Amino acid sequence: MKANNAVLWTLAAAITLGSAVWQRTTGPTYPARGRVTLGGQPLKLKLLRTHPGAGDLPVRVEAARPDLTGVVAWRRYPTQEAWQALPMRRNGDALEAAIHTSPRRARWSTK
């Protein structure tokens, strides 16, 4: 009987840990990742979908070639607002920008 309990506890722990990893890598707020080649230079991308911290959302692209420039195009989700263009500034071997945070909306109505 004790062997069955150990197997069940091990199975429960494996399912719980597997579910946690699956949620972290596929959930709606996980960072989207990708790779592109721009001007013969491979770039790794990590797109943050949430920003729980204080201040603006930093955007950074490693781009060693000094002739590369960039623009961040963004809009609030889920809206039909017009896209906003934010030019990126060079900082050493990277292009950087910061998307301004929006004020928090109330989630619950008090009416």
N, C-alpha and C. Protein backbone atom coordinates (compact mmCIF):
# COMPACT_ATOMS: atom_id res chain seq x y z
N MET A 1 0.82 -1.20 0.00
CA MET A 1 0.00 0.00 0.00
C MET A 1 0.86 1.26 0.00
N LYS A 2 1.98 1.24 0.74
CA LYS A 2 2.85 2.41 0.79
C LYS A 2 3.53 2.65 -0.56
N ALA A 3 3.81 1.60 -1.29
CA ALA A 3 4.43 1.75 -2.60
C ALA A 3 3.47 2.47 -3.55
N ASN A 4 2.18 2.15 -3.45
CA ASN A 4 1.19 2.82 -4.29
C ASN A 4 1.10 4.31 -3.95
N ASN A 5 1.17 4.65 -2.66
CA ASN A 5 1.14 6.06 -2.25
C ASN A 5 2.35 6.80 -2.79
N ALA A 6 3.51 6.20 -2.74
CA ALA A 6 4.72 6.85 -3.25
C ALA A 6 4.60 7.08 -4.75
N VAL A 7 4.06 6.11 -5.47
CA VAL A 7 3.88 6.26 -6.91
C VAL A 7 2.88 7.37 -7.20
N LEU A 8 1.79 7.40 -6.47
CA LEU A 8 0.78 8.44 -6.67
C LEU A 8 1.32 9.83 -6.36
N TRP A 9 2.09 9.97 -5.27
CA TRP A 9 2.67 11.27 -4.93
C TRP A 9 3.69 11.71 -5.98
N THR A 10 4.48 10.77 -6.47
CA THR A 10 5.46 11.09 -7.52
C THR A 10 4.74 11.51 -8.79
N LEU A 11 3.69 10.81 -9.16
CA LEU A 11 2.91 11.15 -10.33
C LEU A 11 2.24 12.52 -10.17
N ALA A 12 1.70 12.80 -9.00
CA ALA A 12 1.07 14.10 -8.73
C ALA A 12 2.08 15.23 -8.83
N ALA A 13 3.28 15.02 -8.28
CA ALA A 13 4.32 16.05 -8.35
C ALA A 13 4.76 16.29 -9.79
N ALA A 14 4.91 15.21 -10.57
CA ALA A 14 5.32 15.35 -11.97
C ALA A 14 4.25 16.10 -12.77
N ILE A 15 2.99 15.78 -12.55
CA ILE A 15 1.90 16.47 -13.27
C ILE A 15 1.86 17.95 -12.87
N THR A 16 2.01 18.24 -11.59
CA THR A 16 1.99 19.63 -11.12
C THR A 16 3.15 20.43 -11.71
N LEU A 17 4.35 19.89 -11.66
CA LEU A 17 5.51 20.59 -12.20
C LEU A 17 5.41 20.74 -13.72
N GLY A 18 4.94 19.71 -14.39
CA GLY A 18 4.75 19.78 -15.84
C GLY A 18 3.73 20.84 -16.21
N SER A 19 2.65 20.92 -15.46
CA SER A 19 1.61 21.94 -15.71
C SER A 19 2.16 23.35 -15.49
N ALA A 20 2.96 23.52 -14.46
CA ALA A 20 3.54 24.84 -14.17
C ALA A 20 4.48 25.27 -15.31
N VAL A 21 5.30 24.36 -15.79
CA VAL A 21 6.20 24.69 -16.90
C VAL A 21 5.40 24.99 -18.15
N TRP A 22 4.38 24.19 -18.44
CA TRP A 22 3.54 24.41 -19.62
C TRP A 22 2.87 25.78 -19.57
N GLN A 23 2.31 26.15 -18.44
CA GLN A 23 1.66 27.46 -18.29
C GLN A 23 2.65 28.59 -18.46
N ARG A 24 3.83 28.44 -17.91
CA ARG A 24 4.84 29.50 -17.99
C ARG A 24 5.30 29.72 -19.42
N THR A 25 5.36 28.66 -20.22
CA THR A 25 5.87 28.80 -21.58
C THR A 25 4.79 29.03 -22.62
N THR A 26 3.53 28.78 -22.29
CA THR A 26 2.48 28.95 -23.30
C THR A 26 1.35 29.86 -22.85
N GLY A 27 1.39 30.40 -21.67
CA GLY A 27 0.31 31.24 -21.16
C GLY A 27 0.20 32.56 -21.93
N PRO A 28 -0.89 33.28 -21.73
CA PRO A 28 -1.13 34.50 -22.51
C PRO A 28 -0.19 35.66 -22.17
N THR A 29 0.53 35.58 -21.08
CA THR A 29 1.41 36.69 -20.71
C THR A 29 2.88 36.33 -20.85
N TYR A 30 3.18 35.16 -21.40
CA TYR A 30 4.58 34.79 -21.53
C TYR A 30 5.24 35.63 -22.63
N PRO A 31 6.53 35.88 -22.53
CA PRO A 31 7.21 36.64 -23.58
C PRO A 31 7.28 35.82 -24.87
N ALA A 32 6.96 36.44 -25.98
CA ALA A 32 7.10 35.79 -27.28
C ALA A 32 8.56 35.90 -27.69
N ARG A 33 9.10 34.82 -28.22
CA ARG A 33 10.51 34.81 -28.61
C ARG A 33 10.62 34.49 -30.10
N GLY A 34 11.68 34.98 -30.71
CA GLY A 34 11.89 34.71 -32.11
C GLY A 34 13.30 35.07 -32.54
N ARG A 35 13.61 34.76 -33.78
CA ARG A 35 14.91 35.10 -34.37
C ARG A 35 14.68 35.64 -35.77
N VAL A 36 15.42 36.67 -36.13
CA VAL A 36 15.37 37.23 -37.47
C VAL A 36 16.81 37.56 -37.90
N THR A 37 16.97 37.70 -39.20
CA THR A 37 18.25 38.15 -39.73
C THR A 37 18.01 39.49 -40.38
N LEU A 38 18.75 40.48 -39.95
CA LEU A 38 18.61 41.84 -40.47
C LEU A 38 19.98 42.34 -40.91
N GLY A 39 20.10 42.63 -42.19
CA GLY A 39 21.38 43.10 -42.71
C GLY A 39 22.49 42.08 -42.53
N GLY A 40 22.14 40.78 -42.61
CA GLY A 40 23.13 39.73 -42.44
C GLY A 40 23.50 39.45 -41.00
N GLN A 41 22.88 40.15 -40.06
CA GLN A 41 23.18 39.97 -38.64
C GLN A 41 22.01 39.26 -37.98
N PRO A 42 22.23 38.08 -37.37
CA PRO A 42 21.14 37.40 -36.67
C PRO A 42 20.77 38.14 -35.38
N LEU A 43 19.48 38.27 -35.14
CA LEU A 43 18.99 38.95 -33.93
C LEU A 43 18.03 38.03 -33.19
N LYS A 44 18.16 37.96 -31.88
CA LYS A 44 17.21 37.25 -31.05
C LYS A 44 16.20 38.26 -30.53
N LEU A 45 14.93 37.89 -30.54
CA LEU A 45 13.87 38.78 -30.08
C LEU A 45 13.16 38.19 -28.88
N LYS A 46 12.79 39.05 -27.97
CA LYS A 46 11.97 38.67 -26.82
C LYS A 46 10.96 39.79 -26.63
N LEU A 47 9.70 39.51 -26.91
CA LEU A 47 8.64 40.50 -26.84
C LEU A 47 7.87 40.32 -25.53
N LEU A 48 8.03 41.29 -24.63
CA LEU A 48 7.29 41.23 -23.37
C LEU A 48 5.83 41.60 -23.63
N ARG A 49 4.92 40.85 -23.05
CA ARG A 49 3.50 41.13 -23.26
C ARG A 49 2.85 41.81 -22.07
N THR A 50 3.52 41.80 -20.95
CA THR A 50 3.04 42.51 -19.76
C THR A 50 4.22 43.23 -19.13
N HIS A 51 3.90 44.24 -18.36
CA HIS A 51 4.95 44.98 -17.65
C HIS A 51 4.42 45.35 -16.27
N PRO A 52 4.63 44.46 -15.30
CA PRO A 52 4.09 44.72 -13.96
C PRO A 52 4.90 45.74 -13.17
N GLY A 53 6.08 46.09 -13.62
CA GLY A 53 6.94 46.99 -12.87
C GLY A 53 6.53 48.44 -13.02
N ALA A 54 7.15 49.27 -12.23
CA ALA A 54 6.90 50.71 -12.30
C ALA A 54 7.67 51.29 -13.48
N GLY A 55 7.18 52.36 -14.01
CA GLY A 55 7.87 53.04 -15.10
C GLY A 55 7.50 52.49 -16.47
N ASP A 56 8.25 52.92 -17.47
CA ASP A 56 7.96 52.57 -18.84
C ASP A 56 8.50 51.18 -19.19
N LEU A 57 7.93 50.58 -20.23
CA LEU A 57 8.34 49.26 -20.71
C LEU A 57 9.58 49.43 -21.60
N PRO A 58 10.72 48.89 -21.20
CA PRO A 58 11.92 49.05 -22.02
C PRO A 58 11.88 48.13 -23.24
N VAL A 59 12.35 48.65 -24.37
CA VAL A 59 12.50 47.87 -25.60
C VAL A 59 13.95 48.00 -26.01
N ARG A 60 14.61 46.86 -26.22
CA ARG A 60 16.05 46.88 -26.53
C ARG A 60 16.33 45.84 -27.61
N VAL A 61 17.07 46.25 -28.63
CA VAL A 61 17.48 45.36 -29.71
C VAL A 61 18.99 45.49 -29.86
N GLU A 62 19.69 44.36 -29.72
CA GLU A 62 21.14 44.37 -29.93
C GLU A 62 21.39 44.53 -31.43
N ALA A 63 22.05 45.59 -31.83
CA ALA A 63 22.34 45.88 -33.23
C ALA A 63 23.70 46.55 -33.30
N ALA A 64 24.74 45.75 -33.50
CA ALA A 64 26.11 46.27 -33.47
C ALA A 64 26.41 47.20 -34.64
N ARG A 65 25.75 46.97 -35.78
CA ARG A 65 26.02 47.83 -36.93
C ARG A 65 25.50 49.24 -36.67
N PRO A 66 26.35 50.25 -36.76
CA PRO A 66 25.93 51.61 -36.42
C PRO A 66 24.97 52.23 -37.43
N ASP A 67 24.85 51.65 -38.63
CA ASP A 67 23.95 52.23 -39.63
C ASP A 67 22.50 51.75 -39.47
N LEU A 68 22.24 50.79 -38.58
CA LEU A 68 20.87 50.30 -38.37
C LEU A 68 20.10 51.25 -37.47
N THR A 69 18.86 51.49 -37.84
CA THR A 69 17.95 52.29 -37.02
C THR A 69 16.69 51.47 -36.79
N GLY A 70 15.83 51.95 -35.93
CA GLY A 70 14.61 51.20 -35.65
C GLY A 70 13.49 52.08 -35.16
N VAL A 71 12.28 51.54 -35.30
CA VAL A 71 11.07 52.20 -34.81
C VAL A 71 10.21 51.13 -34.14
N VAL A 72 9.66 51.44 -32.99
CA VAL A 72 8.73 50.54 -32.30
C VAL A 72 7.32 51.01 -32.64
N ALA A 73 6.52 50.13 -33.25
CA ALA A 73 5.12 50.43 -33.54
C ALA A 73 4.27 49.66 -32.54
N TRP A 74 3.37 50.36 -31.86
CA TRP A 74 2.58 49.71 -30.82
C TRP A 74 1.21 50.36 -30.68
N ARG A 75 0.31 49.62 -30.07
CA ARG A 75 -1.00 50.15 -29.67
C ARG A 75 -1.51 49.30 -28.52
N ARG A 76 -2.45 49.86 -27.78
CA ARG A 76 -3.00 49.13 -26.64
C ARG A 76 -3.88 47.99 -27.14
N TYR A 77 -3.86 46.90 -26.42
CA TYR A 77 -4.68 45.74 -26.76
C TYR A 77 -5.81 45.64 -25.75
N PRO A 78 -6.96 45.29 -26.08
CA PRO A 78 -7.57 45.05 -27.38
C PRO A 78 -8.33 46.29 -27.84
N THR A 79 -7.74 47.14 -28.57
CA THR A 79 -8.41 48.34 -29.06
C THR A 79 -8.21 48.45 -30.57
N GLN A 80 -8.92 49.37 -31.15
CA GLN A 80 -8.75 49.68 -32.56
C GLN A 80 -8.08 51.04 -32.71
N GLU A 81 -7.38 51.46 -31.68
CA GLU A 81 -6.67 52.74 -31.72
C GLU A 81 -5.63 52.72 -32.84
N ALA A 82 -5.23 53.88 -33.27
CA ALA A 82 -4.19 53.98 -34.28
C ALA A 82 -2.85 53.51 -33.70
N TRP A 83 -2.02 52.92 -34.55
CA TRP A 83 -0.70 52.51 -34.14
C TRP A 83 0.15 53.75 -33.86
N GLN A 84 0.99 53.67 -32.85
CA GLN A 84 1.90 54.76 -32.53
C GLN A 84 3.32 54.33 -32.89
N ALA A 85 4.09 55.25 -33.44
CA ALA A 85 5.47 54.96 -33.82
C ALA A 85 6.41 55.66 -32.85
N LEU A 86 7.35 54.92 -32.33
CA LEU A 86 8.30 55.43 -31.36
C LEU A 86 9.72 55.17 -31.88
N PRO A 87 10.46 56.21 -32.26
CA PRO A 87 11.81 55.99 -32.78
C PRO A 87 12.74 55.44 -31.69
N MET A 88 13.65 54.56 -32.11
CA MET A 88 14.61 53.99 -31.18
C MET A 88 15.90 54.82 -31.21
N ARG A 89 16.56 54.91 -30.07
CA ARG A 89 17.81 55.65 -29.96
C ARG A 89 18.97 54.66 -29.80
N ARG A 90 20.10 55.01 -30.35
CA ARG A 90 21.28 54.16 -30.23
C ARG A 90 21.92 54.36 -28.87
N ASN A 91 22.27 53.24 -28.24
CA ASN A 91 22.99 53.24 -26.96
C ASN A 91 24.07 52.17 -27.06
N GLY A 92 25.26 52.58 -27.50
CA GLY A 92 26.34 51.61 -27.69
C GLY A 92 26.02 50.68 -28.86
N ASP A 93 25.99 49.38 -28.59
CA ASP A 93 25.69 48.38 -29.61
C ASP A 93 24.22 47.99 -29.63
N ALA A 94 23.35 48.82 -29.11
CA ALA A 94 21.93 48.48 -29.06
C ALA A 94 21.06 49.67 -29.45
N LEU A 95 19.85 49.35 -29.89
CA LEU A 95 18.82 50.36 -30.11
C LEU A 95 17.83 50.23 -28.97
N GLU A 96 17.42 51.37 -28.40
CA GLU A 96 16.55 51.34 -27.23
C GLU A 96 15.40 52.32 -27.37
N ALA A 97 14.29 51.97 -26.76
CA ALA A 97 13.12 52.84 -26.66
C ALA A 97 12.38 52.45 -25.39
N ALA A 98 11.39 53.25 -25.02
CA ALA A 98 10.58 52.96 -23.83
C ALA A 98 9.12 53.30 -24.15
N ILE A 99 8.25 52.31 -24.00
CA ILE A 99 6.82 52.52 -24.24
C ILE A 99 6.21 53.02 -22.94
N HIS A 100 5.53 54.13 -23.00
CA HIS A 100 4.92 54.72 -21.81
C HIS A 100 3.79 53.82 -21.30
N THR A 101 3.71 53.69 -19.99
CA THR A 101 2.66 52.87 -19.41
C THR A 101 1.34 53.64 -19.38
N SER A 102 0.26 52.90 -19.46
CA SER A 102 -1.08 53.49 -19.37
C SER A 102 -1.54 53.42 -17.93
N PRO A 103 -2.39 54.35 -17.51
CA PRO A 103 -2.92 54.24 -16.15
C PRO A 103 -3.78 52.98 -16.03
N ARG A 104 -3.76 52.38 -14.86
CA ARG A 104 -4.54 51.17 -14.64
C ARG A 104 -6.02 51.49 -14.68
N ARG A 105 -6.76 50.58 -15.26
CA ARG A 105 -8.21 50.71 -15.28
C ARG A 105 -8.79 49.90 -14.14
N ALA A 106 -9.91 50.38 -13.60
CA ALA A 106 -10.59 49.63 -12.55
C ALA A 106 -11.17 48.36 -13.15
N ARG A 107 -10.99 47.24 -12.47
CA ARG A 107 -11.49 45.98 -12.99
C ARG A 107 -12.93 45.69 -12.53
N TRP A 108 -13.31 46.26 -11.43
CA TRP A 108 -14.62 45.96 -10.88
C TRP A 108 -15.44 47.24 -10.78
N SER A 109 -16.67 47.13 -11.12
CA SER A 109 -17.57 48.27 -11.01
C SER A 109 -18.11 48.35 -9.60
N THR A 110 -18.24 49.55 -9.07
CA THR A 110 -18.79 49.73 -7.73
C THR A 110 -20.24 50.13 -7.77
N LYS A 111 -20.84 50.10 -8.96
CA LYS A 111 -22.25 50.49 -9.08
C LYS A 111 -23.17 49.39 -8.64
